[in-house]
Amino acid sequence: DDTDDPKQSTADMTAFVQNLLQQMTMSDSIITKNILIMGSRIDELEQSINDLRTEMGVEGSPSPSASLKQKIEPKSAHDSGKE
């Protein structure tokens, strides 16, 4: 009862490995595409933030949160000086 043919087993293993490699390649392709899409969206977001900062007149500040702190802190110090 010799049902385990080594040639058939080798062919099955080869087909399995080829299928696995194909799936991995497809997954890698999908991941790469998603990374490129996310990178593009981040670039668009950064451009939108820069455009908004330009419209608000806060060019050259390191970040929106840093410019917000700079605007808030002098006002609170100035307000306490009036009292």
N, C-alpha and C. Protein backbone atom coordinates (compact mmCIF):
# COMPACT_ATOMS: atom_id res chain seq x y z
N ASP A 1 0.85 -1.18 0.00
CA ASP A 1 0.00 0.00 0.00
C ASP A 1 0.89 1.24 0.00
N ASP A 2 1.44 1.56 -1.15
CA ASP A 2 2.37 2.68 -1.28
C ASP A 2 1.62 3.87 -1.90
N THR A 3 0.80 4.57 -1.07
CA THR A 3 0.00 5.69 -1.57
C THR A 3 0.78 7.00 -1.54
N ASP A 4 1.84 7.08 -0.76
CA ASP A 4 2.65 8.30 -0.68
C ASP A 4 3.73 8.27 -1.75
N ASP A 5 3.39 8.76 -2.92
CA ASP A 5 4.33 8.83 -4.03
C ASP A 5 5.25 10.03 -3.81
N PRO A 6 6.56 9.82 -3.72
CA PRO A 6 7.47 10.95 -3.47
C PRO A 6 7.40 12.01 -4.56
N LYS A 7 7.18 11.60 -5.82
CA LYS A 7 7.08 12.58 -6.89
C LYS A 7 5.84 13.45 -6.73
N GLN A 8 4.74 12.83 -6.33
CA GLN A 8 3.49 13.58 -6.12
C GLN A 8 3.65 14.50 -4.91
N SER A 9 4.28 14.02 -3.87
CA SER A 9 4.51 14.82 -2.68
C SER A 9 5.37 16.04 -3.00
N THR A 10 6.41 15.84 -3.81
CA THR A 10 7.28 16.94 -4.22
C THR A 10 6.50 17.94 -5.07
N ALA A 11 5.66 17.45 -5.97
CA ALA A 11 4.85 18.34 -6.81
C ALA A 11 3.86 19.14 -5.96
N ASP A 12 3.27 18.48 -4.99
CA ASP A 12 2.34 19.17 -4.10
C ASP A 12 3.06 20.26 -3.30
N MET A 13 4.23 19.92 -2.80
CA MET A 13 5.00 20.89 -2.02
C MET A 13 5.44 22.06 -2.90
N THR A 14 5.84 21.80 -4.12
CA THR A 14 6.24 22.85 -5.05
C THR A 14 5.07 23.78 -5.34
N ALA A 15 3.91 23.20 -5.59
CA ALA A 15 2.71 24.00 -5.87
C ALA A 15 2.34 24.83 -4.65
N PHE A 16 2.46 24.24 -3.46
CA PHE A 16 2.15 24.96 -2.23
C PHE A 16 3.08 26.16 -2.05
N VAL A 17 4.37 25.93 -2.25
CA VAL A 17 5.36 27.00 -2.08
C VAL A 17 5.15 28.09 -3.12
N GLN A 18 4.87 27.72 -4.36
CA GLN A 18 4.62 28.71 -5.40
C GLN A 18 3.39 29.55 -5.07
N ASN A 19 2.34 28.90 -4.60
CA ASN A 19 1.13 29.60 -4.21
C ASN A 19 1.40 30.55 -3.05
N LEU A 20 2.16 30.09 -2.08
CA LEU A 20 2.50 30.91 -0.93
C LEU A 20 3.32 32.13 -1.34
N LEU A 21 4.29 31.93 -2.21
CA LEU A 21 5.11 33.04 -2.70
C LEU A 21 4.27 34.04 -3.48
N GLN A 22 3.32 33.55 -4.26
CA GLN A 22 2.44 34.43 -5.02
C GLN A 22 1.59 35.27 -4.06
N GLN A 23 1.05 34.64 -3.02
CA GLN A 23 0.25 35.37 -2.05
C GLN A 23 1.08 36.42 -1.32
N MET A 24 2.33 36.07 -0.97
CA MET A 24 3.20 37.01 -0.28
C MET A 24 3.52 38.20 -1.18
N THR A 25 3.75 37.93 -2.45
CA THR A 25 4.05 38.99 -3.40
C THR A 25 2.85 39.92 -3.56
N MET A 26 1.66 39.35 -3.62
CA MET A 26 0.45 40.16 -3.73
C MET A 26 0.26 40.99 -2.47
N SER A 27 0.49 40.39 -1.31
CA SER A 27 0.36 41.12 -0.05
C SER A 27 1.36 42.26 0.02
N ASP A 28 2.59 42.00 -0.41
CA ASP A 28 3.63 43.02 -0.41
C ASP A 28 3.24 44.16 -1.34
N SER A 29 2.66 43.82 -2.48
CA SER A 29 2.22 44.83 -3.44
C SER A 29 1.12 45.70 -2.85
N ILE A 30 0.18 45.08 -2.16
CA ILE A 30 -0.92 45.82 -1.53
C ILE A 30 -0.38 46.73 -0.43
N ILE A 31 0.52 46.23 0.38
CA ILE A 31 1.10 47.03 1.46
C ILE A 31 1.86 48.22 0.88
N THR A 32 2.66 47.98 -0.14
CA THR A 32 3.41 49.05 -0.77
C THR A 32 2.48 50.12 -1.32
N LYS A 33 1.41 49.69 -1.99
CA LYS A 33 0.44 50.64 -2.55
C LYS A 33 -0.20 51.46 -1.43
N ASN A 34 -0.57 50.81 -0.32
CA ASN A 34 -1.19 51.52 0.79
C ASN A 34 -0.22 52.51 1.43
N ILE A 35 1.04 52.16 1.53
CA ILE A 35 2.04 53.07 2.07
C ILE A 35 2.17 54.30 1.18
N LEU A 36 2.18 54.09 -0.13
CA LEU A 36 2.26 55.22 -1.06
C LEU A 36 1.03 56.12 -0.96
N ILE A 37 -0.14 55.52 -0.83
CA ILE A 37 -1.37 56.29 -0.69
C ILE A 37 -1.34 57.10 0.61
N MET A 38 -0.93 56.47 1.70
CA MET A 38 -0.87 57.17 2.99
C MET A 38 0.15 58.30 2.94
N GLY A 39 1.28 58.07 2.29
CA GLY A 39 2.30 59.10 2.15
C GLY A 39 1.75 60.30 1.39
N SER A 40 1.00 60.03 0.35
CA SER A 40 0.39 61.10 -0.44
C SER A 40 -0.62 61.87 0.39
N ARG A 41 -1.41 61.16 1.18
CA ARG A 41 -2.41 61.83 2.02
C ARG A 41 -1.73 62.69 3.10
N ILE A 42 -0.63 62.21 3.64
CA ILE A 42 0.11 62.99 4.63
C ILE A 42 0.67 64.25 3.98
N ASP A 43 1.20 64.12 2.78
CA ASP A 43 1.71 65.29 2.06
C ASP A 43 0.59 66.32 1.83
N GLU A 44 -0.59 65.84 1.44
CA GLU A 44 -1.72 66.74 1.22
C GLU A 44 -2.13 67.42 2.52
N LEU A 45 -2.13 66.67 3.61
CA LEU A 45 -2.48 67.23 4.91
C LEU A 45 -1.47 68.29 5.34
N GLU A 46 -0.20 68.01 5.17
CA GLU A 46 0.83 68.99 5.51
C GLU A 46 0.67 70.26 4.68
N GLN A 47 0.35 70.11 3.39
CA GLN A 47 0.15 71.27 2.54
C GLN A 47 -1.06 72.07 2.99
N SER A 48 -2.13 71.39 3.37
CA SER A 48 -3.32 72.09 3.86
C SER A 48 -3.01 72.85 5.14
N ILE A 49 -2.26 72.24 6.04
CA ILE A 49 -1.87 72.91 7.28
C ILE A 49 -1.02 74.13 6.97
N ASN A 50 -0.07 73.99 6.07
CA ASN A 50 0.78 75.14 5.69
C ASN A 50 -0.05 76.24 5.05
N ASP A 51 -1.02 75.88 4.22
CA ASP A 51 -1.89 76.87 3.60
C ASP A 51 -2.70 77.62 4.66
N LEU A 52 -3.24 76.89 5.63
CA LEU A 52 -4.01 77.52 6.70
C LEU A 52 -3.14 78.43 7.55
N ARG A 53 -1.92 77.98 7.83
CA ARG A 53 -1.00 78.81 8.62
C ARG A 53 -0.65 80.08 7.87
N THR A 54 -0.48 79.98 6.56
CA THR A 54 -0.19 81.16 5.75
C THR A 54 -1.36 82.13 5.79
N GLU A 55 -2.57 81.60 5.65
CA GLU A 55 -3.77 82.44 5.71
C GLU A 55 -3.90 83.13 7.06
N MET A 56 -3.49 82.46 8.13
CA MET A 56 -3.58 83.03 9.47
C MET A 56 -2.40 83.97 9.77
N GLY A 57 -1.40 83.96 8.91
CA GLY A 57 -0.27 84.84 9.11
C GLY A 57 0.73 84.33 10.12
N VAL A 58 0.85 83.03 10.25
CA VAL A 58 1.81 82.47 11.21
C VAL A 58 2.89 81.68 10.48
N GLU A 59 3.35 82.19 9.35
CA GLU A 59 4.43 81.53 8.63
C GLU A 59 5.69 81.55 9.49
N GLY A 60 6.48 80.52 9.36
CA GLY A 60 7.77 80.47 10.02
C GLY A 60 7.72 79.93 11.44
N SER A 61 6.53 79.73 12.01
CA SER A 61 6.50 79.13 13.34
C SER A 61 6.65 77.62 13.19
N PRO A 62 7.29 76.97 14.17
CA PRO A 62 7.62 75.55 14.03
C PRO A 62 6.41 74.63 13.90
N SER A 63 5.34 74.93 14.61
CA SER A 63 4.16 74.08 14.50
C SER A 63 2.94 74.88 14.94
N PRO A 64 1.75 74.46 14.55
CA PRO A 64 0.54 75.16 14.96
C PRO A 64 0.40 75.22 16.49
N SER A 65 0.74 74.15 17.18
CA SER A 65 0.61 74.16 18.64
C SER A 65 1.60 75.11 19.28
N ALA A 66 2.81 75.21 18.74
CA ALA A 66 3.81 76.13 19.28
C ALA A 66 3.38 77.57 19.06
N SER A 67 2.81 77.88 17.88
CA SER A 67 2.37 79.25 17.63
C SER A 67 1.17 79.58 18.50
N LEU A 68 0.33 78.61 18.78
CA LEU A 68 -0.83 78.83 19.64
C LEU A 68 -0.36 79.16 21.05
N LYS A 69 0.64 78.44 21.56
CA LYS A 69 1.18 78.70 22.89
C LYS A 69 1.78 80.10 22.95
N GLN A 70 2.48 80.51 21.90
CA GLN A 70 3.10 81.83 21.88
C GLN A 70 2.03 82.92 21.92
N LYS A 71 0.92 82.71 21.27
CA LYS A 71 -0.14 83.72 21.25
C LYS A 71 -0.89 83.77 22.59
N ILE A 72 -1.06 82.63 23.24
CA ILE A 72 -1.83 82.57 24.48
C ILE A 72 -1.01 83.08 25.66
N GLU A 73 0.25 82.66 25.79
CA GLU A 73 1.05 83.01 26.95
C GLU A 73 1.24 84.51 27.12
N PRO A 74 1.61 85.29 26.09
CA PRO A 74 1.76 86.74 26.31
C PRO A 74 0.46 87.42 26.73
N LYS A 75 -0.68 86.96 26.23
CA LYS A 75 -1.95 87.55 26.60
C LYS A 75 -2.24 87.33 28.08
N SER A 76 -2.01 86.12 28.57
CA SER A 76 -2.30 85.83 29.96
C SER A 76 -1.35 86.62 30.86
N ALA A 77 -0.10 86.78 30.47
CA ALA A 77 0.85 87.55 31.25
C ALA A 77 0.47 89.03 31.22
N HIS A 78 0.03 89.52 30.07
CA HIS A 78 -0.36 90.92 29.91
C HIS A 78 -1.63 91.22 30.71
N ASP A 79 -2.58 90.26 30.68
CA ASP A 79 -3.84 90.44 31.41
C ASP A 79 -3.60 90.51 32.90
N SER A 80 -2.69 89.68 33.43
CA SER A 80 -2.42 89.67 34.86
C SER A 80 -1.71 90.95 35.26
N GLY A 81 -0.97 91.59 34.35
CA GLY A 81 -0.27 92.83 34.63
C GLY A 81 -1.23 94.01 34.73
N LYS A 82 -2.37 93.93 34.06
CA LYS A 82 -3.37 95.01 34.10
C LYS A 82 -4.09 95.06 35.42
N GLU A 83 -4.27 93.93 36.05
CA GLU A 83 -5.08 93.86 37.27
C GLU A 83 -4.40 94.48 38.45
